[in-house]
C-alpha atoms as a PDB file:
ATOM      1  CA  MET A   1    -117.455  10.889  22.659  1.00  0.00           C
ATOM      2  CA  TYR A   2    -115.399   7.879  21.564  1.00  0.00           C
ATOM      3  CA  SER A   3    -114.903   6.108  18.221  1.00  0.00           C
ATOM      4  CA  ILE A   4    -113.479   2.773  17.060  1.00  0.00           C
ATOM      5  CA  THR A   5    -112.870   1.904  13.402  1.00  0.00           C
ATOM      6  CA  TYR A   6    -111.936  -1.692  12.633  1.00  0.00           C
ATOM      7  CA  VAL A   7    -111.809  -4.262   9.853  1.00  0.00           C
ATOM      8  CA  SER A   8    -112.329  -8.019   9.963  1.00  0.00           C
ATOM      9  CA  LYS A   9    -112.697 -11.060   7.718  1.00  0.00           C
ATOM     10  CA  ALA A  10    -116.026 -12.933   7.669  1.00  0.00           C
ATOM     11  CA  THR A  11    -115.749 -16.650   8.397  1.00  0.00           C
ATOM     12  CA  GLU A  12    -118.308 -17.385   5.667  1.00  0.00           C
ATOM     13  CA  ASP A  13    -120.020 -15.691   2.739  1.00  0.00           C
ATOM     14  CA  TYR A  14    -123.008 -13.565   3.692  1.00  0.00           C
ATOM     15  CA  SER A  15    -126.126 -13.416   1.560  1.00  0.00           C
ATOM     16  CA  GLN A  16    -127.988 -10.138   1.266  1.00  0.00           C
ATOM     17  CA  ALA A  17    -130.681 -11.596   3.563  1.00  0.00           C
ATOM     18  CA  GLN A  18    -128.079 -12.512   6.208  1.00  0.00           C
ATOM     19  CA  LEU A  19    -126.547  -9.044   6.021  1.00  0.00           C
ATOM     20  CA  LEU A  20    -129.954  -7.408   6.437  1.00  0.00           C
ATOM     21  CA  ALA A  21    -130.685  -9.642   9.448  1.00  0.00           C
ATOM     22  CA  LEU A  22    -127.345  -8.621  10.972  1.00  0.00           C
ATOM     23  CA  LEU A  23    -128.143  -4.984  10.284  1.00  0.00           C
ATOM     24  CA  GLU A  24    -131.513  -5.300  12.035  1.00  0.00           C
ATOM     25  CA  VAL A  25    -129.789  -6.579  15.191  1.00  0.00           C
ATOM     26  CA  CYS A  26    -127.200  -3.777  14.946  1.00  0.00           C
ATOM     27  CA  HIS A  27    -129.951  -1.164  14.694  1.00  0.00           C
ATOM     28  CA  ARG A  28    -131.773  -2.514  17.741  1.00  0.00           C
ATOM     29  CA  ASN A  29    -128.644  -2.879  19.893  1.00  0.00           C
ATOM     30  CA  ASN A  30    -127.125   0.447  18.849  1.00  0.00           C
ATOM     31  CA  LEU A  31    -130.365   2.286  19.538  1.00  0.00           C
ATOM     32  CA  ARG A  32    -130.417   0.747  23.022  1.00  0.00           C
ATOM     33  CA  ASP A  33    -126.724   1.581  23.624  1.00  0.00           C
ATOM     34  CA  LYS A  34    -126.900   5.033  21.980  1.00  0.00           C
ATOM     35  CA  LEU A  35    -124.228   4.089  19.425  1.00  0.00           C
ATOM     36  CA  THR A  36    -123.969   5.336  15.861  1.00  0.00           C
ATOM     37  CA  GLY A  37    -121.831   4.252  12.954  1.00  0.00           C
ATOM     38  CA  GLN A  38    -121.380   2.758   9.523  1.00  0.00           C
ATOM     39  CA  LEU A  39    -120.798  -0.825   8.355  1.00  0.00           C
ATOM     40  CA  LEU A  40    -119.346  -1.810   4.981  1.00  0.00           C
ATOM     41  CA  TYR A  41    -119.191  -5.347   3.559  1.00  0.00           C
ATOM     42  CA  LYS A  42    -117.116  -6.398   0.564  1.00  0.00           C
ATOM     43  CA  ASP A  43    -115.550  -9.704  -0.505  1.00  0.00           C
ATOM     44  CA  ARG A  44    -116.191 -11.372   2.888  1.00  0.00           C
ATOM     45  CA  GLU A  45    -114.647  -8.409   4.707  1.00  0.00           C
ATOM     46  CA  PHE A  46    -116.179  -5.896   7.092  1.00  0.00           C
ATOM     47  CA  MET A  47    -115.192  -2.337   7.886  1.00  0.00           C
ATOM     48  CA  GLN A  48    -117.054  -0.640  10.677  1.00  0.00           C
ATOM     49  CA  VAL A  49    -116.904   2.592  12.637  1.00  0.00           C
ATOM     50  CA  LEU A  50    -118.790   2.902  15.923  1.00  0.00           C
ATOM     51  CA  GLU A  51    -119.302   6.075  17.943  1.00  0.00           C
ATOM     52  CA  GLY A  52    -120.621   6.585  21.452  1.00  0.00           C
ATOM     53  CA  ASP A  53    -119.837   6.603  25.138  1.00  0.00           C
ATOM     54  CA  GLU A  54    -116.340   5.187  25.728  1.00  0.00           C
ATOM     55  CA  MET A  55    -117.288   2.589  28.366  1.00  0.00           C
ATOM     56  CA  VAL A  56    -120.320   1.373  26.412  1.00  0.00           C
ATOM     57  CA  LEU A  57    -118.380   1.246  23.153  1.00  0.00           C
ATOM     58  CA  LYS A  58    -115.486  -0.703  24.667  1.00  0.00           C
ATOM     59  CA  ARG A  59    -117.936  -3.235  26.166  1.00  0.00           C
ATOM     60  CA  VAL A  60    -119.680  -3.635  22.798  1.00  0.00           C
ATOM     61  CA  PHE A  61    -116.357  -3.953  20.983  1.00  0.00           C
ATOM     62  CA  GLU A  62    -115.247  -6.727  23.357  1.00  0.00           C
ATOM     63  CA  LYS A  63    -118.424  -8.598  22.406  1.00  0.00           C
ATOM     64  CA  ILE A  64    -117.708  -7.982  18.713  1.00  0.00           C
ATOM     65  CA  CYS A  65    -114.216  -9.436  19.176  1.00  0.00           C
ATOM     66  CA  ARG A  66    -115.696 -12.646  20.614  1.00  0.00           C
ATOM     67  CA  ASP A  67    -118.179 -13.049  17.743  1.00  0.00           C
ATOM     68  CA  LYS A  68    -117.305 -16.192  15.748  1.00  0.00           C
ATOM     69  CA  ARG A  69    -118.806 -14.821  12.521  1.00  0.00           C
ATOM     70  CA  HIS A  70    -115.584 -12.986  11.778  1.00  0.00           C
ATOM     71  CA  LYS A  71    -111.861 -13.189  12.474  1.00  0.00           C
ATOM     72  CA  ASN A  72    -108.628 -11.217  12.058  1.00  0.00           C
ATOM     73  CA  ILE A  73    -110.056  -8.120  13.715  1.00  0.00           C
ATOM     74  CA  LEU A  74    -107.753  -5.162  13.308  1.00  0.00           C
ATOM     75  CA  ILE A  75    -108.368  -1.742  14.848  1.00  0.00           C
ATOM     76  CA  LEU A  76    -107.547   0.986  12.337  1.00  0.00           C
ATOM     77  CA  ASP A  77    -108.376   3.957  14.522  1.00  0.00           C
ATOM     78  CA  GLU A  78    -109.558   4.451  18.100  1.00  0.00           C
ATOM     79  CA  GLY A  79    -109.924   7.432  20.356  1.00  0.00           C
ATOM     80  CA  PHE A  80    -111.886  10.428  21.459  1.00  0.00           C
ATOM     81  CA  ILE A  81    -113.694  12.532  18.876  1.00  0.00           C
ATOM     82  CA  GLN A  82    -115.216  16.012  19.079  1.00  0.00           C
ATOM     83  CA  GLN A  83    -118.553  14.973  17.602  1.00  0.00           C
ATOM     84  CA  ARG A  84    -120.280  12.087  15.889  1.00  0.00           C
ATOM     85  CA  GLU A  85    -119.814  11.720  12.142  1.00  0.00           C
ATOM     86  CA  PHE A  86    -122.858   9.419  11.803  1.00  0.00           C
ATOM     87  CA  ASP A  87    -125.132  11.041  14.365  1.00  0.00           C
ATOM     88  CA  ASP A  88    -128.335  10.272  12.429  1.00  0.00           C
ATOM     89  CA  TRP A  89    -127.568   6.579  11.949  1.00  0.00           C
ATOM     90  CA  THR A  90    -127.861   3.803  14.508  1.00  0.00           C
ATOM     91  CA  MET A  91    -125.997   1.853  11.812  1.00  0.00           C
ATOM     92  CA  GLY A  92    -125.520   2.897   8.217  1.00  0.00           C
ATOM     93  CA  PHE A  93    -124.831  -0.041   5.916  1.00  0.00           C
ATOM     94  CA  ASN A  94    -123.549  -0.681   2.417  1.00  0.00           C
ATOM     95  CA  ASN A  95    -122.976  -4.041   0.749  1.00  0.00           C
ATOM     96  CA  LEU A  96    -120.217  -3.095  -1.669  1.00  0.00           C
ATOM     97  CA  ASP A  97    -120.427  -6.488  -3.390  1.00  0.00           C
ATOM     98  CA  GLU A  98    -123.929  -5.504  -4.519  1.00  0.00           C
ATOM     99  CA  GLU A  99    -123.207  -1.846  -5.140  1.00  0.00           C
ATOM    100  CA  LEU A 100    -120.025  -2.387  -7.132  1.00  0.00           C
ATOM    101  CA  GLN A 101    -122.066  -4.353  -9.668  1.00  0.00           C
ATOM    102  CA  HIS A 102    -123.774  -1.050 -10.450  1.00  0.00           C
ATOM    103  CA  HIS A 103    -122.342   2.353 -11.158  1.00  0.00           C
ATOM    104  CA  ILE A 104    -121.600   4.307  -7.999  1.00  0.00           C
ATOM    105  CA  PRO A 105    -121.538   8.089  -8.403  1.00  0.00           C
ATOM    106  CA  GLY A 106    -118.194   9.406  -7.244  1.00  0.00           C
ATOM    107  CA  TYR A 107    -116.522   5.996  -7.568  1.00  0.00           C
ATOM    108  CA  SER A 108    -113.127   6.124  -5.913  1.00  0.00           C
ATOM    109  CA  HIS A 109    -110.002   4.002  -6.382  1.00  0.00           C
ATOM    110  CA  ILE A 110    -110.090   3.186  -2.658  1.00  0.00           C
ATOM    111  CA  LEU A 111    -113.075   0.940  -3.384  1.00  0.00           C
ATOM    112  CA  ASN A 112    -110.633  -1.386  -5.130  1.00  0.00           C
ATOM    113  CA  TYR A 113    -108.632  -2.016  -1.950  1.00  0.00           C
ATOM    114  CA  PRO A 114    -109.492  -5.029   0.185  1.00  0.00           C
ATOM    115  CA  LEU A 115    -111.140  -3.713   3.363  1.00  0.00           C
ATOM    116  CA  THR A 116    -108.533  -5.561   5.415  1.00  0.00           C
ATOM    117  CA  GLY A 117    -105.727  -4.463   3.084  1.00  0.00           C
ATOM    118  CA  HIS A 118    -102.492  -2.808   4.094  1.00  0.00           C
ATOM    119  CA  GLU A 119    -103.594   0.465   2.476  1.00  0.00           C
ATOM    120  CA  PHE A 120    -106.099   1.103   5.284  1.00  0.00           C
ATOM    121  CA  GLN A 121    -103.673  -0.081   7.967  1.00  0.00           C
ATOM    122  CA  ALA A 122    -100.962   2.234   6.699  1.00  0.00           C
ATOM    123  CA  GLN A 123    -103.344   5.175   6.336  1.00  0.00           C
ATOM    124  CA  PRO A 124    -106.389   4.925   8.667  1.00  0.00           C
ATOM    125  CA  SER A 125    -107.676   8.241   7.297  1.00  0.00           C
ATOM    126  CA  LEU A 126    -108.495   6.342   4.071  1.00  0.00           C
ATOM    127  CA  ALA A 127    -110.880   4.149   6.072  1.00  0.00           C
ATOM    128  CA  GLN A 128    -112.597   7.243   7.443  1.00  0.00           C
ATOM    129  CA  LYS A 129    -112.783   8.699   3.929  1.00  0.00           C
ATOM    130  CA  LEU A 130    -114.333   5.476   2.594  1.00  0.00           C
ATOM    131  CA  LEU A 131    -116.870   5.233   5.423  1.00  0.00           C
ATOM    132  CA  LEU A 132    -117.848   8.884   5.056  1.00  0.00           C
ATOM    133  CA  SER A 133    -118.230   8.539   1.281  1.00  0.00           C
ATOM    134  CA  PHE A 134    -121.311   6.414   1.932  1.00  0.00           C
ATOM    135  CA  LYS A 135    -122.789   8.852   4.402  1.00  0.00           C
ATOM    136  CA  SER A 136    -126.044  10.122   3.030  1.00  0.00           C
ATOM    137  CA  PRO A 137    -129.326  11.258   4.498  1.00  0.00           C
ATOM    138  CA  PRO A 138    -130.518   8.654   7.006  1.00  0.00           C
ATOM    139  CA  PRO A 139    -132.810   5.953   5.644  1.00  0.00           C
ATOM    140  CA  VAL A 140    -136.514   6.531   6.173  1.00  0.00           C
END
């Protein structure tokens, strides 16, 4: 099993409807490719972890890198893992711009960091902690 965690900057603002449309495509493609993961969006920045077969994941990540909807892609963590962290999710998703307007139980100071900030680059385990903090039972 292989995993890639990366951050990137969106080239434009995304509405909730655009994010949900993106998520629908992610669900369909990840189901087909047997990938799982989590996607966060905040202040025009993405953080995503993907898990799956190494060859499939690297092919998908190459496609992600060519996608013009975002730029400044930076891999925070990559490598083999013992087991999936998001095994029930073809793609978990949280729009932190929306959620931060409301109280989030267990609010953490790491939510204040820009997703592409140096804090996550210097300590990739923080990215994993942030992504896992939104792990909940899979949506129905």
